Amino acid sequence: MANETRAKITAALGRLHQGSSDFDLNPDVQLDPVRTLRPAAVLVALQQVGGEIHVVLTKRASHLKHHAGQISFPGGKQEQADSSLEHTALREADEEIGLPPQDVDILGRMPTHETVTNFTVTPVLGLIRATFTPTPDHNEVAEVFTVPLSHVANPAHYSIQGRRWRGQRRAYYTVPYGPYYIWGATARILRALAEGMNP
């Protein structure tokens, strides 16, 4: 990664202080004040592709019970044996896409994101240091692909769309790329990164 890009990402992390949620664009949604939020982490993995930095994303398997076919980061809930949320993100990336933890240079954490499924997700930014060829676990992942960081770091590429959810219309961010419809929590986390990179 070029030092300039790395410095820009590090500076962006320093500007991000407020967490986000799936309800950011839906102020009328009433949340249960005593809801239990489970900790989770995702790896926002940055990879050099040619001369450009890309973000590694997955398309979830179509047979999964939750979020089937959706675009997501590698990640999942924190297990009792995980020593940290960074460990969670790295473990899940290893399990889901075959990314060796020792090949990732952790750059830092983004603020947490609350999901409609009652998780508090910590996005962990990491730089893939070595050449990486994904080996997806097809029980969970249908496809692994990358999107240029320049695309998702541009706020102009985002739009707000909506659909019915639990009897109410729910608005959310989208940042499409080619055939991939990136929306929901993944798009919101990327949007936060874009905001940090474009103060």
N, C-alpha and C. Protein backbone atom coordinates (compact mmCIF):
# COMPACT_ATOMS: atom_id res chain seq x y z
N MET A 1 0.85 -1.19 0.00
CA MET A 1 0.00 0.00 0.00
C MET A 1 0.88 1.24 0.00
N ALA A 2 0.55 2.18 -0.86
CA ALA A 2 1.31 3.42 -0.89
C ALA A 2 1.19 4.12 0.45
N ASN A 3 2.31 4.73 0.88
CA ASN A 3 2.31 5.41 2.17
C ASN A 3 1.23 6.49 2.25
N GLU A 4 0.99 7.15 1.12
CA GLU A 4 -0.03 8.20 1.10
C GLU A 4 -1.42 7.64 1.40
N THR A 5 -1.74 6.50 0.77
CA THR A 5 -3.05 5.87 1.01
C THR A 5 -3.16 5.38 2.44
N ARG A 6 -2.09 4.77 2.93
CA ARG A 6 -2.10 4.27 4.30
C ARG A 6 -2.29 5.43 5.28
N ALA A 7 -1.62 6.54 5.04
CA ALA A 7 -1.75 7.71 5.91
C ALA A 7 -3.17 8.26 5.87
N LYS A 8 -3.79 8.22 4.68
CA LYS A 8 -5.16 8.72 4.55
C LYS A 8 -6.14 7.84 5.33
N ILE A 9 -5.93 6.53 5.28
CA ILE A 9 -6.80 5.60 6.01
C ILE A 9 -6.61 5.76 7.51
N THR A 10 -5.36 5.88 7.95
CA THR A 10 -5.08 6.07 9.37
C THR A 10 -5.71 7.36 9.87
N ALA A 11 -5.60 8.42 9.06
CA ALA A 11 -6.22 9.70 9.44
C ALA A 11 -7.74 9.57 9.50
N ALA A 12 -8.31 8.80 8.57
CA ALA A 12 -9.76 8.59 8.57
C ALA A 12 -10.21 7.90 9.85
N LEU A 13 -9.46 6.89 10.28
CA LEU A 13 -9.80 6.20 11.52
C LEU A 13 -9.79 7.16 12.70
N GLY A 14 -8.86 8.10 12.68
CA GLY A 14 -8.78 9.07 13.76
C GLY A 14 -9.95 10.03 13.80
N ARG A 15 -10.65 10.17 12.67
CA ARG A 15 -11.79 11.09 12.60
C ARG A 15 -13.10 10.42 12.97
N LEU A 16 -13.11 9.09 12.99
CA LEU A 16 -14.36 8.37 13.23
C LEU A 16 -14.55 8.13 14.72
N HIS A 17 -15.52 8.79 15.29
CA HIS A 17 -15.75 8.68 16.73
C HIS A 17 -17.14 8.16 17.07
N GLN A 18 -18.10 8.38 16.18
CA GLN A 18 -19.48 8.02 16.47
C GLN A 18 -19.84 6.72 15.77
N GLY A 19 -20.47 5.83 16.50
CA GLY A 19 -20.91 4.57 15.92
C GLY A 19 -22.07 4.78 14.97
N SER A 20 -22.43 3.72 14.26
CA SER A 20 -23.54 3.77 13.31
C SER A 20 -24.49 2.62 13.61
N SER A 21 -25.59 2.59 12.87
CA SER A 21 -26.54 1.50 13.06
C SER A 21 -27.39 1.32 11.81
N ASP A 22 -28.08 0.20 11.75
CA ASP A 22 -29.01 -0.05 10.66
C ASP A 22 -30.21 0.87 10.72
N PHE A 23 -30.32 1.65 11.79
CA PHE A 23 -31.47 2.53 11.98
C PHE A 23 -31.13 4.01 11.78
N ASP A 24 -29.93 4.30 11.30
CA ASP A 24 -29.50 5.69 11.12
C ASP A 24 -30.50 6.51 10.31
N LEU A 25 -31.03 5.91 9.27
CA LEU A 25 -31.91 6.64 8.36
C LEU A 25 -33.38 6.44 8.70
N ASN A 26 -33.63 5.85 9.87
CA ASN A 26 -35.00 5.51 10.28
C ASN A 26 -35.26 5.97 11.71
N PRO A 27 -35.32 7.27 11.93
CA PRO A 27 -35.46 7.78 13.31
C PRO A 27 -36.76 7.40 13.99
N ASP A 28 -37.77 6.99 13.22
CA ASP A 28 -39.07 6.64 13.81
C ASP A 28 -39.11 5.20 14.34
N VAL A 29 -38.10 4.40 14.03
CA VAL A 29 -38.09 3.02 14.51
C VAL A 29 -37.88 3.01 16.02
N GLN A 30 -38.75 2.31 16.72
CA GLN A 30 -38.65 2.22 18.18
C GLN A 30 -37.86 0.97 18.55
N LEU A 31 -36.72 1.17 19.20
CA LEU A 31 -35.88 0.06 19.62
C LEU A 31 -36.17 -0.31 21.06
N ASP A 32 -36.10 -1.58 21.35
CA ASP A 32 -36.31 -2.07 22.71
C ASP A 32 -35.16 -1.56 23.59
N PRO A 33 -35.43 -0.75 24.60
CA PRO A 33 -34.35 -0.19 25.41
C PRO A 33 -33.59 -1.22 26.23
N VAL A 34 -34.16 -2.41 26.41
CA VAL A 34 -33.47 -3.45 27.18
C VAL A 34 -33.02 -4.60 26.28
N ARG A 35 -32.89 -4.33 24.99
CA ARG A 35 -32.43 -5.38 24.07
C ARG A 35 -31.01 -5.80 24.42
N THR A 36 -30.69 -7.05 24.14
CA THR A 36 -29.35 -7.58 24.37
C THR A 36 -28.59 -7.58 23.06
N LEU A 37 -27.46 -6.89 23.05
CA LEU A 37 -26.64 -6.81 21.84
C LEU A 37 -25.44 -7.74 21.99
N ARG A 38 -25.24 -8.59 21.00
CA ARG A 38 -24.15 -9.56 21.04
C ARG A 38 -22.94 -9.00 20.28
N PRO A 39 -21.72 -9.14 20.83
CA PRO A 39 -20.54 -8.61 20.15
C PRO A 39 -20.14 -9.45 18.95
N ALA A 40 -19.73 -8.76 17.89
CA ALA A 40 -19.26 -9.41 16.67
C ALA A 40 -18.20 -8.51 16.04
N ALA A 41 -17.49 -9.06 15.07
CA ALA A 41 -16.47 -8.28 14.37
C ALA A 41 -16.41 -8.71 12.92
N VAL A 42 -16.07 -7.76 12.06
CA VAL A 42 -15.84 -8.06 10.64
C VAL A 42 -14.47 -7.52 10.26
N LEU A 43 -13.87 -8.13 9.25
CA LEU A 43 -12.58 -7.67 8.77
C LEU A 43 -12.79 -6.88 7.48
N VAL A 44 -12.46 -5.59 7.54
CA VAL A 44 -12.44 -4.75 6.34
C VAL A 44 -11.03 -4.88 5.78
N ALA A 45 -10.84 -5.89 4.93
CA ALA A 45 -9.51 -6.25 4.45
C ALA A 45 -9.18 -5.47 3.19
N LEU A 46 -8.02 -4.83 3.19
CA LEU A 46 -7.55 -4.06 2.05
C LEU A 46 -6.45 -4.83 1.35
N GLN A 47 -6.56 -4.93 0.03
CA GLN A 47 -5.63 -5.74 -0.76
C GLN A 47 -5.15 -4.94 -1.97
N GLN A 48 -3.87 -5.03 -2.26
CA GLN A 48 -3.32 -4.40 -3.46
C GLN A 48 -3.71 -5.24 -4.67
N VAL A 49 -4.42 -4.63 -5.62
CA VAL A 49 -4.80 -5.30 -6.86
C VAL A 49 -4.26 -4.45 -8.00
N GLY A 50 -3.23 -4.94 -8.67
CA GLY A 50 -2.56 -4.10 -9.64
C GLY A 50 -1.93 -2.93 -8.92
N GLY A 51 -2.23 -1.74 -9.35
CA GLY A 51 -1.69 -0.56 -8.68
C GLY A 51 -2.68 0.13 -7.79
N GLU A 52 -3.77 -0.57 -7.43
CA GLU A 52 -4.85 0.07 -6.68
C GLU A 52 -5.22 -0.75 -5.45
N ILE A 53 -5.68 -0.06 -4.42
CA ILE A 53 -6.15 -0.72 -3.21
C ILE A 53 -7.62 -1.10 -3.38
N HIS A 54 -7.94 -2.36 -3.05
CA HIS A 54 -9.30 -2.86 -3.12
C HIS A 54 -9.75 -3.33 -1.73
N VAL A 55 -11.06 -3.39 -1.54
CA VAL A 55 -11.67 -3.95 -0.33
C VAL A 55 -12.18 -5.34 -0.67
N VAL A 56 -11.88 -6.31 0.20
CA VAL A 56 -12.31 -7.69 -0.02
C VAL A 56 -13.71 -7.88 0.57
N LEU A 57 -14.63 -8.39 -0.26
CA LEU A 57 -16.00 -8.64 0.17
C LEU A 57 -16.41 -10.06 -0.21
N THR A 58 -17.48 -10.53 0.40
CA THR A 58 -18.00 -11.86 0.09
C THR A 58 -19.47 -11.77 -0.28
N LYS A 59 -19.91 -12.73 -1.08
CA LYS A 59 -21.34 -12.93 -1.31
C LYS A 59 -21.73 -14.16 -0.53
N ARG A 60 -22.67 -14.00 0.39
CA ARG A 60 -23.03 -15.10 1.27
C ARG A 60 -23.77 -16.20 0.49
N ALA A 61 -23.59 -17.43 0.94
CA ALA A 61 -24.22 -18.57 0.28
C ALA A 61 -25.74 -18.43 0.29
N SER A 62 -26.38 -18.92 -0.76
CA SER A 62 -27.82 -18.74 -0.93
C SER A 62 -28.65 -19.61 0.02
N HIS A 63 -28.04 -20.65 0.60
CA HIS A 63 -28.81 -21.56 1.46
C HIS A 63 -28.80 -21.15 2.93
N LEU A 64 -28.08 -20.07 3.27
CA LEU A 64 -27.99 -19.68 4.67
C LEU A 64 -29.33 -19.18 5.20
N LYS A 65 -29.55 -19.38 6.48
CA LYS A 65 -30.81 -18.98 7.12
C LYS A 65 -30.93 -17.47 7.21
N HIS A 66 -29.80 -16.80 7.50
CA HIS A 66 -29.81 -15.35 7.67
C HIS A 66 -28.96 -14.68 6.60
N HIS A 67 -29.49 -13.62 6.00
CA HIS A 67 -28.76 -12.77 5.03
C HIS A 67 -28.25 -13.56 3.82
N ALA A 68 -29.00 -14.55 3.40
CA ALA A 68 -28.59 -15.37 2.25
C ALA A 68 -28.39 -14.51 1.02
N GLY A 69 -27.29 -14.73 0.30
CA GLY A 69 -27.03 -14.03 -0.94
C GLY A 69 -26.59 -12.59 -0.82
N GLN A 70 -26.50 -12.08 0.40
CA GLN A 70 -26.13 -10.68 0.58
C GLN A 70 -24.61 -10.50 0.55
N ILE A 71 -24.20 -9.26 0.27
CA ILE A 71 -22.79 -8.91 0.26
C ILE A 71 -22.38 -8.54 1.68
N SER A 72 -21.24 -9.07 2.11
CA SER A 72 -20.79 -8.81 3.48
C SER A 72 -19.28 -8.84 3.56
N PHE A 73 -18.78 -8.40 4.70
CA PHE A 73 -17.37 -8.59 5.04
C PHE A 73 -17.21 -9.97 5.67
N PRO A 74 -16.02 -10.56 5.61
CA PRO A 74 -15.79 -11.75 6.43
C PRO A 74 -15.94 -11.37 7.90
N GLY A 75 -16.63 -12.18 8.66
CA GLY A 75 -16.81 -11.85 10.07
C GLY A 75 -17.89 -12.67 10.72
N GLY A 76 -18.10 -12.42 12.00
CA GLY A 76 -19.11 -13.14 12.74
C GLY A 76 -19.08 -12.80 14.22
N LYS A 77 -19.84 -13.55 14.99
CA LYS A 77 -19.95 -13.25 16.41
C LYS A 77 -18.67 -13.62 17.15
N GLN A 78 -18.42 -12.90 18.23
CA GLN A 78 -17.24 -13.16 19.07
C GLN A 78 -17.47 -14.43 19.88
N GLU A 79 -16.52 -15.33 19.81
CA GLU A 79 -16.58 -16.57 20.58
C GLU A 79 -15.86 -16.40 21.91
N GLN A 80 -16.21 -17.23 22.87
CA GLN A 80 -15.62 -17.13 24.20
C GLN A 80 -14.10 -17.29 24.16
N ALA A 81 -13.61 -18.10 23.22
CA ALA A 81 -12.17 -18.35 23.13
C ALA A 81 -11.40 -17.23 22.44
N ASP A 82 -12.11 -16.28 21.82
CA ASP A 82 -11.43 -15.18 21.13
C ASP A 82 -10.81 -14.22 22.14
N SER A 83 -9.55 -13.89 21.93
CA SER A 83 -8.85 -13.02 22.87
C SER A 83 -9.21 -11.55 22.68
N SER A 84 -9.74 -11.18 21.52
CA SER A 84 -10.10 -9.80 21.23
C SER A 84 -11.02 -9.79 20.01
N LEU A 85 -11.58 -8.63 19.72
CA LEU A 85 -12.41 -8.51 18.52
C LEU A 85 -11.56 -8.60 17.26
N GLU A 86 -10.30 -8.17 17.34
CA GLU A 86 -9.39 -8.36 16.22
C GLU A 86 -9.21 -9.86 15.94
N HIS A 87 -9.08 -10.62 17.02
CA HIS A 87 -8.95 -12.08 16.89
C HIS A 87 -10.19 -12.66 16.23
N THR A 88 -11.38 -12.16 16.62
CA THR A 88 -12.62 -12.62 16.02
C THR A 88 -12.63 -12.37 14.52
N ALA A 89 -12.28 -11.14 14.12
CA ALA A 89 -12.30 -10.78 12.70
C ALA A 89 -11.31 -11.62 11.90
N LEU A 90 -10.12 -11.82 12.44
CA LEU A 90 -9.10 -12.60 11.74
C LEU A 90 -9.49 -14.08 11.66
N ARG A 91 -10.04 -14.61 12.76
CA ARG A 91 -10.45 -16.02 12.78
C ARG A 91 -11.54 -16.26 11.74
N GLU A 92 -12.52 -15.37 11.71
CA GLU A 92 -13.63 -15.55 10.77
C GLU A 92 -13.15 -15.42 9.32
N ALA A 93 -12.22 -14.49 9.06
CA ALA A 93 -11.69 -14.35 7.69
C ALA A 93 -10.92 -15.59 7.28
N ASP A 94 -10.21 -16.18 8.22
CA ASP A 94 -9.49 -17.42 7.95
C ASP A 94 -10.48 -18.54 7.62
N GLU A 95 -11.53 -18.65 8.43
CA GLU A 95 -12.52 -19.71 8.24
C GLU A 95 -13.33 -19.52 6.96
N GLU A 96 -13.71 -18.28 6.66
CA GLU A 96 -14.64 -18.03 5.56
C GLU A 96 -13.96 -17.94 4.19
N ILE A 97 -12.77 -17.30 4.15
CA ILE A 97 -12.15 -17.07 2.84
C ILE A 97 -10.71 -17.57 2.77
N GLY A 98 -10.22 -18.22 3.83
CA GLY A 98 -8.88 -18.78 3.82
C GLY A 98 -7.77 -17.75 3.91
N LEU A 99 -8.04 -16.62 4.56
CA LEU A 99 -7.02 -15.58 4.72
C LEU A 99 -6.20 -15.85 5.98
N PRO A 100 -4.91 -16.17 5.85
CA PRO A 100 -4.09 -16.46 7.04
C PRO A 100 -3.97 -15.22 7.93
N PRO A 101 -4.26 -15.34 9.21
CA PRO A 101 -4.17 -14.18 10.11
C PRO A 101 -2.81 -13.51 10.11
N GLN A 102 -1.74 -14.31 9.95
CA GLN A 102 -0.39 -13.73 10.00
C GLN A 102 -0.08 -12.87 8.78
N ASP A 103 -0.93 -12.93 7.76
CA ASP A 103 -0.72 -12.12 6.56
C ASP A 103 -1.47 -10.80 6.59
N VAL A 104 -2.07 -10.49 7.74
CA VAL A 104 -2.86 -9.26 7.85
C VAL A 104 -2.21 -8.31 8.86
N ASP A 105 -2.00 -7.08 8.42
CA ASP A 105 -1.49 -6.02 9.29
C ASP A 105 -2.68 -5.19 9.75
N ILE A 106 -3.02 -5.28 11.03
CA ILE A 106 -4.18 -4.55 11.56
C ILE A 106 -3.86 -3.05 11.62
N LEU A 107 -4.74 -2.25 10.99
CA LEU A 107 -4.56 -0.80 10.97
C LEU A 107 -5.34 -0.11 12.08
N GLY A 108 -6.41 -0.75 12.55
CA GLY A 108 -7.19 -0.16 13.63
C GLY A 108 -8.65 -0.57 13.56
N ARG A 109 -9.41 -0.09 14.53
CA ARG A 109 -10.85 -0.35 14.59
C ARG A 109 -11.64 0.87 14.14
N MET A 110 -12.78 0.61 13.51
CA MET A 110 -13.78 1.65 13.28
C MET A 110 -14.78 1.61 14.42
N PRO A 111 -15.56 2.67 14.61
CA PRO A 111 -16.61 2.62 15.62
C PRO A 111 -17.61 1.50 15.34
N THR A 112 -18.30 1.06 16.36
CA THR A 112 -19.21 -0.08 16.23
C THR A 112 -20.44 0.25 15.39
N HIS A 113 -21.05 -0.81 14.89
CA HIS A 113 -22.27 -0.69 14.10
C HIS A 113 -23.31 -1.66 14.68
N GLU A 114 -24.49 -1.14 15.01
CA GLU A 114 -25.57 -1.98 15.54
C GLU A 114 -26.45 -2.47 14.40
N THR A 115 -26.73 -3.77 14.37
CA THR A 115 -27.53 -4.34 13.29
C THR A 115 -28.96 -4.64 13.75
N VAL A 116 -29.83 -4.85 12.77
CA VAL A 116 -31.22 -5.19 13.08
C VAL A 116 -31.32 -6.55 13.75
N THR A 117 -30.26 -7.36 13.63
CA THR A 117 -30.26 -8.69 14.24
C THR A 117 -29.63 -8.68 15.64
N ASN A 118 -29.50 -7.48 16.22
CA ASN A 118 -29.04 -7.31 17.60
C ASN A 118 -27.58 -7.71 17.83
N PHE A 119 -26.73 -7.35 16.88
CA PHE A 119 -25.29 -7.48 17.06
C PHE A 119 -24.67 -6.10 17.13
N THR A 120 -23.65 -5.96 17.96
CA THR A 120 -22.78 -4.79 17.93
C THR A 120 -21.52 -5.21 17.19
N VAL A 121 -21.40 -4.75 15.96
CA VAL A 121 -20.32 -5.18 15.08
C VAL A 121 -19.17 -4.18 15.12
N THR A 122 -17.96 -4.67 15.38
CA THR A 122 -16.77 -3.84 15.32
C THR A 122 -16.04 -4.11 14.01
N PRO A 123 -15.98 -3.12 13.11
CA PRO A 123 -15.21 -3.30 11.88
C PRO A 123 -13.72 -3.10 12.17
N VAL A 124 -12.92 -4.09 11.79
CA VAL A 124 -11.46 -4.05 11.99
C VAL A 124 -10.81 -3.87 10.62
N LEU A 125 -10.06 -2.79 10.45
CA LEU A 125 -9.38 -2.54 9.19
C LEU A 125 -8.04 -3.26 9.18
N GLY A 126 -7.77 -3.98 8.10
CA GLY A 126 -6.51 -4.71 8.00
C GLY A 126 -5.95 -4.68 6.59
N LEU A 127 -4.65 -4.63 6.48
CA LEU A 127 -3.95 -4.65 5.19
C LEU A 127 -3.39 -6.04 4.95
N ILE A 128 -3.75 -6.64 3.82
CA ILE A 128 -3.20 -7.95 3.45
C ILE A 128 -1.80 -7.73 2.91
N ARG A 129 -0.81 -8.29 3.61
CA ARG A 129 0.59 -8.03 3.27
C ARG A 129 1.10 -8.92 2.15
N ALA A 130 0.57 -10.12 2.01
CA ALA A 130 1.11 -11.10 1.06
C ALA A 130 0.15 -11.29 -0.10
N THR A 131 0.62 -11.97 -1.13
CA THR A 131 -0.27 -12.36 -2.23
C THR A 131 -1.34 -13.29 -1.67
N PHE A 132 -2.58 -13.02 -2.02
CA PHE A 132 -3.68 -13.77 -1.41
C PHE A 132 -4.64 -14.26 -2.49
N THR A 133 -4.86 -15.56 -2.51
CA THR A 133 -5.86 -16.17 -3.38
C THR A 133 -6.92 -16.79 -2.48
N PRO A 134 -8.15 -16.27 -2.50
CA PRO A 134 -9.19 -16.76 -1.60
C PRO A 134 -9.52 -18.24 -1.82
N THR A 135 -9.82 -18.91 -0.71
CA THR A 135 -10.36 -20.27 -0.76
C THR A 135 -11.63 -20.27 0.09
N PRO A 136 -12.75 -19.88 -0.51
CA PRO A 136 -13.98 -19.71 0.27
C PRO A 136 -14.53 -21.01 0.82
N ASP A 137 -15.09 -20.92 2.02
CA ASP A 137 -15.83 -22.03 2.61
C ASP A 137 -17.24 -21.97 2.03
N HIS A 138 -17.56 -22.87 1.11
CA HIS A 138 -18.83 -22.78 0.40
C HIS A 138 -20.04 -23.11 1.26
N ASN A 139 -19.81 -23.54 2.49
CA ASN A 139 -20.93 -23.66 3.43
C ASN A 139 -21.45 -22.28 3.82
N GLU A 140 -20.59 -21.27 3.71
CA GLU A 140 -20.98 -19.91 4.11
C GLU A 140 -20.86 -18.89 2.98
N VAL A 141 -19.89 -19.09 2.09
CA VAL A 141 -19.54 -18.06 1.11
C VAL A 141 -19.69 -18.60 -0.31
N ALA A 142 -20.49 -17.88 -1.11
CA ALA A 142 -20.66 -18.28 -2.51
C ALA A 142 -19.56 -17.71 -3.39
N GLU A 143 -19.05 -16.53 -3.02
CA GLU A 143 -18.07 -15.84 -3.87
C GLU A 143 -17.27 -14.86 -3.05
N VAL A 144 -16.01 -14.69 -3.41
CA VAL A 144 -15.15 -13.65 -2.84
C VAL A 144 -14.74 -12.73 -3.98
N PHE A 145 -14.88 -11.44 -3.78
CA PHE A 145 -14.52 -10.48 -4.83
C PHE A 145 -13.97 -9.22 -4.18
N THR A 146 -13.44 -8.32 -4.98
CA THR A 146 -12.91 -7.07 -4.44
C THR A 146 -13.54 -5.89 -5.16
N VAL A 147 -13.58 -4.77 -4.45
CA VAL A 147 -14.10 -3.50 -4.97
C VAL A 147 -13.03 -2.44 -4.74
N PRO A 148 -12.74 -1.61 -5.73
CA PRO A 148 -11.73 -0.56 -5.51
C PRO A 148 -12.09 0.33 -4.31
N LEU A 149 -11.11 0.59 -3.47
CA LEU A 149 -11.34 1.49 -2.35
C LEU A 149 -11.78 2.85 -2.85
N SER A 150 -11.26 3.27 -3.99
CA SER A 150 -11.64 4.58 -4.55
C SER A 150 -13.14 4.66 -4.84
N HIS A 151 -13.75 3.51 -5.15
CA HIS A 151 -15.19 3.49 -5.44
C HIS A 151 -16.00 3.67 -4.15
N VAL A 152 -15.70 2.85 -3.14
CA VAL A 152 -16.50 2.91 -1.91
C VAL A 152 -16.11 4.09 -1.03
N ALA A 153 -14.97 4.74 -1.30
CA ALA A 153 -14.57 5.91 -0.52
C ALA A 153 -15.15 7.20 -1.09
N ASN A 154 -15.90 7.10 -2.17
CA ASN A 154 -16.50 8.28 -2.80
C ASN A 154 -17.96 8.39 -2.38
N PRO A 155 -18.30 9.39 -1.54
CA PRO A 155 -19.68 9.52 -1.07
C PRO A 155 -20.70 9.65 -2.20
N ALA A 156 -20.26 10.14 -3.38
CA ALA A 156 -21.19 10.31 -4.49
C ALA A 156 -21.70 8.99 -5.04
N HIS A 157 -21.04 7.88 -4.73
CA HIS A 157 -21.46 6.58 -5.23
C HIS A 157 -22.54 5.93 -4.37
N TYR A 158 -22.93 6.59 -3.29
CA TYR A 158 -23.94 6.03 -2.39
C TYR A 158 -25.31 6.62 -2.70
N SER A 159 -26.33 5.81 -2.52
CA SER A 159 -27.70 6.30 -2.62
C SER A 159 -28.49 5.71 -1.46
N ILE A 160 -29.63 6.29 -1.20
CA ILE A 160 -30.52 5.80 -0.14
C ILE A 160 -31.73 5.16 -0.80
N GLN A 161 -31.99 3.92 -0.45
CA GLN A 161 -33.15 3.20 -0.95
C GLN A 161 -33.93 2.64 0.23
N GLY A 162 -35.01 1.93 -0.04
CA GLY A 162 -35.82 1.42 1.06
C GLY A 162 -36.66 0.22 0.69
N ARG A 163 -37.13 -0.45 1.72
CA ARG A 163 -38.04 -1.59 1.54
C ARG A 163 -38.85 -1.78 2.82
N ARG A 164 -39.86 -2.60 2.75
CA ARG A 164 -40.69 -2.88 3.92
C ARG A 164 -39.96 -3.82 4.87
N TRP A 165 -39.98 -3.49 6.16
CA TRP A 165 -39.33 -4.32 7.18
C TRP A 165 -40.17 -4.26 8.44
N ARG A 166 -40.69 -5.41 8.86
CA ARG A 166 -41.53 -5.51 10.06
C ARG A 166 -42.67 -4.49 10.03
N GLY A 167 -43.31 -4.41 8.87
CA GLY A 167 -44.49 -3.55 8.74
C GLY A 167 -44.20 -2.08 8.52
N GLN A 168 -42.92 -1.70 8.49
CA GLN A 168 -42.56 -0.30 8.27
C GLN A 168 -41.59 -0.20 7.10
N ARG A 169 -41.57 0.97 6.47
CA ARG A 169 -40.61 1.18 5.40
C ARG A 169 -39.27 1.56 6.02
N ARG A 170 -38.24 0.80 5.68
CA ARG A 170 -36.90 1.03 6.23
C ARG A 170 -35.97 1.52 5.14
N ALA A 171 -35.29 2.66 5.39
CA ALA A 171 -34.33 3.22 4.45
C ALA A 171 -32.93 2.73 4.80
N TYR A 172 -32.08 2.63 3.79
CA TYR A 172 -30.71 2.14 4.01
C TYR A 172 -29.82 2.65 2.88
N TYR A 173 -28.51 2.63 3.14
CA TYR A 173 -27.54 3.03 2.12
C TYR A 173 -27.27 1.87 1.16
N THR A 174 -26.97 2.23 -0.09
CA THR A 174 -26.49 1.27 -1.07
C THR A 174 -25.27 1.87 -1.77
N VAL A 175 -24.36 1.00 -2.20
CA VAL A 175 -23.20 1.43 -2.99
C VAL A 175 -22.92 0.33 -4.02
N PRO A 176 -23.74 0.27 -5.07
CA PRO A 176 -23.59 -0.81 -6.06
C PRO A 176 -22.23 -0.75 -6.76
N TYR A 177 -21.78 -1.93 -7.17
CA TYR A 177 -20.54 -2.02 -7.94
C TYR A 177 -20.68 -3.16 -8.92
N GLY A 178 -20.71 -2.84 -10.22
CA GLY A 178 -20.90 -3.88 -11.22
C GLY A 178 -22.14 -4.69 -10.93
N PRO A 179 -22.04 -6.02 -10.89
CA PRO A 179 -23.22 -6.86 -10.63
C PRO A 179 -23.56 -6.98 -9.14
N TYR A 180 -22.79 -6.32 -8.28
CA TYR A 180 -22.94 -6.52 -6.84
C TYR A 180 -23.77 -5.39 -6.22
N TYR A 181 -24.83 -5.79 -5.54
CA TYR A 181 -25.70 -4.83 -4.85
C TYR A 181 -25.28 -4.80 -3.37
N ILE A 182 -24.46 -3.83 -3.03
CA ILE A 182 -23.94 -3.70 -1.67
C ILE A 182 -24.87 -2.77 -0.91
N TRP A 183 -25.46 -3.27 0.19
CA TRP A 183 -26.43 -2.47 0.91
C TRP A 183 -26.40 -2.83 2.39
N GLY A 184 -27.28 -2.20 3.16
CA GLY A 184 -27.43 -2.52 4.58
C GLY A 184 -26.20 -2.21 5.40
N ALA A 185 -25.90 -3.10 6.34
CA ALA A 185 -24.80 -2.87 7.28
C ALA A 185 -23.47 -2.72 6.56
N THR A 186 -23.24 -3.52 5.51
CA THR A 186 -21.97 -3.45 4.79
C THR A 186 -21.80 -2.08 4.15
N ALA A 187 -22.85 -1.60 3.49
CA ALA A 187 -22.78 -0.28 2.87
C ALA A 187 -22.64 0.82 3.91
N ARG A 188 -23.31 0.64 5.06
CA ARG A 188 -23.24 1.68 6.11
C ARG A 188 -21.84 1.77 6.68
N ILE A 189 -21.19 0.64 6.90
CA ILE A 189 -19.81 0.64 7.41
C ILE A 189 -18.88 1.28 6.39
N LEU A 190 -19.05 0.94 5.12
CA LEU A 190 -18.22 1.54 4.07
C LEU A 190 -18.50 3.04 3.96
N ARG A 191 -19.74 3.43 4.14
CA ARG A 191 -20.10 4.85 4.10
C ARG A 191 -19.39 5.61 5.22
N ALA A 192 -19.32 5.01 6.40
CA ALA A 192 -18.61 5.65 7.51
C ALA A 192 -17.15 5.84 7.17
N LEU A 193 -16.54 4.83 6.54
CA LEU A 193 -15.15 4.96 6.13
C LEU A 193 -14.99 6.08 5.10
N ALA A 194 -15.93 6.15 4.16
CA ALA A 194 -15.89 7.21 3.15
C ALA A 194 -16.00 8.59 3.79
N GLU A 195 -16.84 8.71 4.81
CA GLU A 195 -16.99 9.99 5.51
C GLU A 195 -15.68 10.36 6.21
N GLY A 196 -15.00 9.37 6.78
CA GLY A 196 -13.73 9.64 7.43
C GLY A 196 -12.64 10.03 6.46
N MET A 197 -12.70 9.47 5.24
CA MET A 197 -11.68 9.76 4.25
C MET A 197 -11.95 11.05 3.47
N ASN A 198 -13.15 11.60 3.65
CA ASN A 198 -13.53 12.84 2.95
C ASN A 198 -14.10 13.84 3.95
N PRO A 199 -13.25 14.34 4.86
CA PRO A 199 -13.76 15.22 5.92
C PRO A 199 -14.30 16.53 5.37
